[in-house]
C-alpha atoms as a PDB file:
ATOM      1  CA  MET A   1      -0.057   0.227  -0.118  1.00  0.00           C
ATOM      2  CA  CYS A   2       0.961   3.739  -0.992  1.00  0.00           C
ATOM      3  CA  SER A   3       1.342   6.137   2.285  1.00  0.00           C
ATOM      4  CA  ARG A   4      -0.897   7.933   0.152  1.00  0.00           C
ATOM      5  CA  PRO A   5      -4.236   8.954   1.837  1.00  0.00           C
ATOM      6  CA  TRP A   6      -7.418   5.998   1.922  1.00  0.00           C
ATOM      7  CA  PRO A   7      -8.304   4.929  -2.031  1.00  0.00           C
ATOM      8  CA  CYS A   8      -4.473   5.322  -3.219  1.00  0.00           C
ATOM      9  CA  PRO A   9      -3.733   4.852  -6.366  1.00  0.00           C
ATOM     10  CA  GLU A  10      -3.293   1.369  -5.363  1.00  0.00           C
ATOM     11  CA  ALA A  11      -6.110   0.253  -3.281  1.00  0.00           C
ATOM     12  CA  GLN A  12      -8.358   1.994  -5.934  1.00  0.00           C
ATOM     13  CA  THR A  13      -7.090  -0.616  -8.935  1.00  0.00           C
ATOM     14  CA  ARG A  14      -7.369  -3.347  -6.591  1.00  0.00           C
ATOM     15  CA  LEU A  15     -11.106  -2.252  -5.905  1.00  0.00           C
ATOM     16  CA  LEU A  16     -11.436  -1.917  -9.984  1.00  0.00           C
ATOM     17  CA  ASP A  17     -10.647  -5.318 -10.486  1.00  0.00           C
ATOM     18  CA  GLU A  18     -12.687  -6.993  -7.700  1.00  0.00           C
ATOM     19  CA  TYR A  19     -15.599  -4.868  -8.883  1.00  0.00           C
ATOM     20  CA  ASP A  20     -15.034  -5.269 -12.496  1.00  0.00           C
ATOM     21  CA  ALA A  21     -18.512  -6.401 -12.643  1.00  0.00           C
ATOM     22  CA  TYR A  22     -20.055  -4.167 -10.478  1.00  0.00           C
ATOM     23  CA  PRO A  23     -19.509  -1.373 -10.674  1.00  0.00           C
ATOM     24  CA  SER A  24     -22.300   0.485  -9.034  1.00  0.00           C
ATOM     25  CA  LEU A  25     -21.316  -1.661  -6.163  1.00  0.00           C
ATOM     26  CA  LEU A  26     -17.998  -0.281  -5.979  1.00  0.00           C
ATOM     27  CA  LYS A  27     -19.483   3.341  -6.115  1.00  0.00           C
ATOM     28  CA  ILE A  28     -22.172   2.523  -3.293  1.00  0.00           C
ATOM     29  CA  TYR A  29     -19.727   1.163  -1.142  1.00  0.00           C
ATOM     30  CA  LEU A  30     -17.132   3.540  -2.199  1.00  0.00           C
ATOM     31  CA  SER A  31     -20.129   6.529  -0.896  1.00  0.00           C
ATOM     32  CA  ALA A  32     -20.227   4.793   2.412  1.00  0.00           C
ATOM     33  CA  GLN A  33     -16.491   4.756   3.682  1.00  0.00           C
ATOM     34  CA  MET A  34     -17.111   8.656   2.324  1.00  0.00           C
ATOM     35  CA  TYR A  35     -19.505   9.411   5.269  1.00  0.00           C
ATOM     36  CA  GLU A  36     -17.770   6.994   7.852  1.00  0.00           C
ATOM     37  CA  ALA A  37     -14.611   9.433   6.469  1.00  0.00           C
ATOM     38  CA  LEU A  38     -16.463  12.312   7.123  1.00  0.00           C
ATOM     39  CA  ASP A  39     -17.644  11.776   9.883  1.00  0.00           C
ATOM     40  CA  ASP A  40     -14.816  10.710  11.222  1.00  0.00           C
ATOM     41  CA  LEU A  41     -12.585  14.111   9.868  1.00  0.00           C
ATOM     42  CA  THR A  42     -15.723  16.311  11.782  1.00  0.00           C
ATOM     43  CA  VAL A  43     -15.750  14.466  14.577  1.00  0.00           C
ATOM     44  CA  ASP A  44     -14.133  17.222  17.139  1.00  0.00           C
ATOM     45  CA  GLY A  45     -15.726  19.989  14.986  1.00  0.00           C
ATOM     46  CA  GLN A  46     -14.161  20.712  11.791  1.00  0.00           C
ATOM     47  CA  SER A  47     -14.923  21.371   8.554  1.00  0.00           C
ATOM     48  CA  ALA A  48     -15.348  18.897   6.154  1.00  0.00           C
ATOM     49  CA  PRO A  49     -12.196  19.203   3.883  1.00  0.00           C
ATOM     50  CA  VAL A  50     -13.421  20.066   0.457  1.00  0.00           C
ATOM     51  CA  ASP A  51     -11.698  17.272  -1.261  1.00  0.00           C
ATOM     52  CA  LEU A  52     -13.500  14.012  -0.466  1.00  0.00           C
ATOM     53  CA  TYR A  53     -15.695  13.592  -2.929  1.00  0.00           C
ATOM     54  CA  GLU A  54     -12.677  13.744  -6.256  1.00  0.00           C
ATOM     55  CA  ARG A  55     -10.879  11.032  -3.045  1.00  0.00           C
ATOM     56  CA  PHE A  56     -13.143   8.329  -3.496  1.00  0.00           C
ATOM     57  CA  LEU A  57     -16.255   8.607  -6.260  1.00  0.00           C
ATOM     58  CA  ALA A  58     -14.757  10.631  -8.988  1.00  0.00           C
ATOM     59  CA  TRP A  59     -11.692   8.186  -9.947  1.00  0.00           C
ATOM     60  CA  THR A  60     -14.516   5.925 -10.431  1.00  0.00           C
ATOM     61  CA  ARG A  61     -15.792   6.714 -14.067  1.00  0.00           C
ATOM     62  CA  THR A  62     -11.243   6.199 -15.605  1.00  0.00           C
ATOM     63  CA  ARG A  63      -8.952   3.224 -14.994  1.00  0.00           C
ATOM     64  CA  PRO A  64      -6.602   5.619 -12.845  1.00  0.00           C
ATOM     65  CA  ALA A  65      -3.452   5.628 -13.457  1.00  0.00           C
ATOM     66  CA  SER A  66      -0.990   3.366 -11.287  1.00  0.00           C
END
């Protein structure tokens, strides 16, 4: 795994492979993970990160570069 925040490019590639036949389920899974991360990141009253959609979902439209 890389040292970047999840899902890093290696995780993205693995997830795309794992959910290859079920891309809609991948988006549902990642949406749930995004909202869990949002809860974790804002628990202390901090503002929500502006890049959560890009980090968790936007990349699912195209296969990331490794």
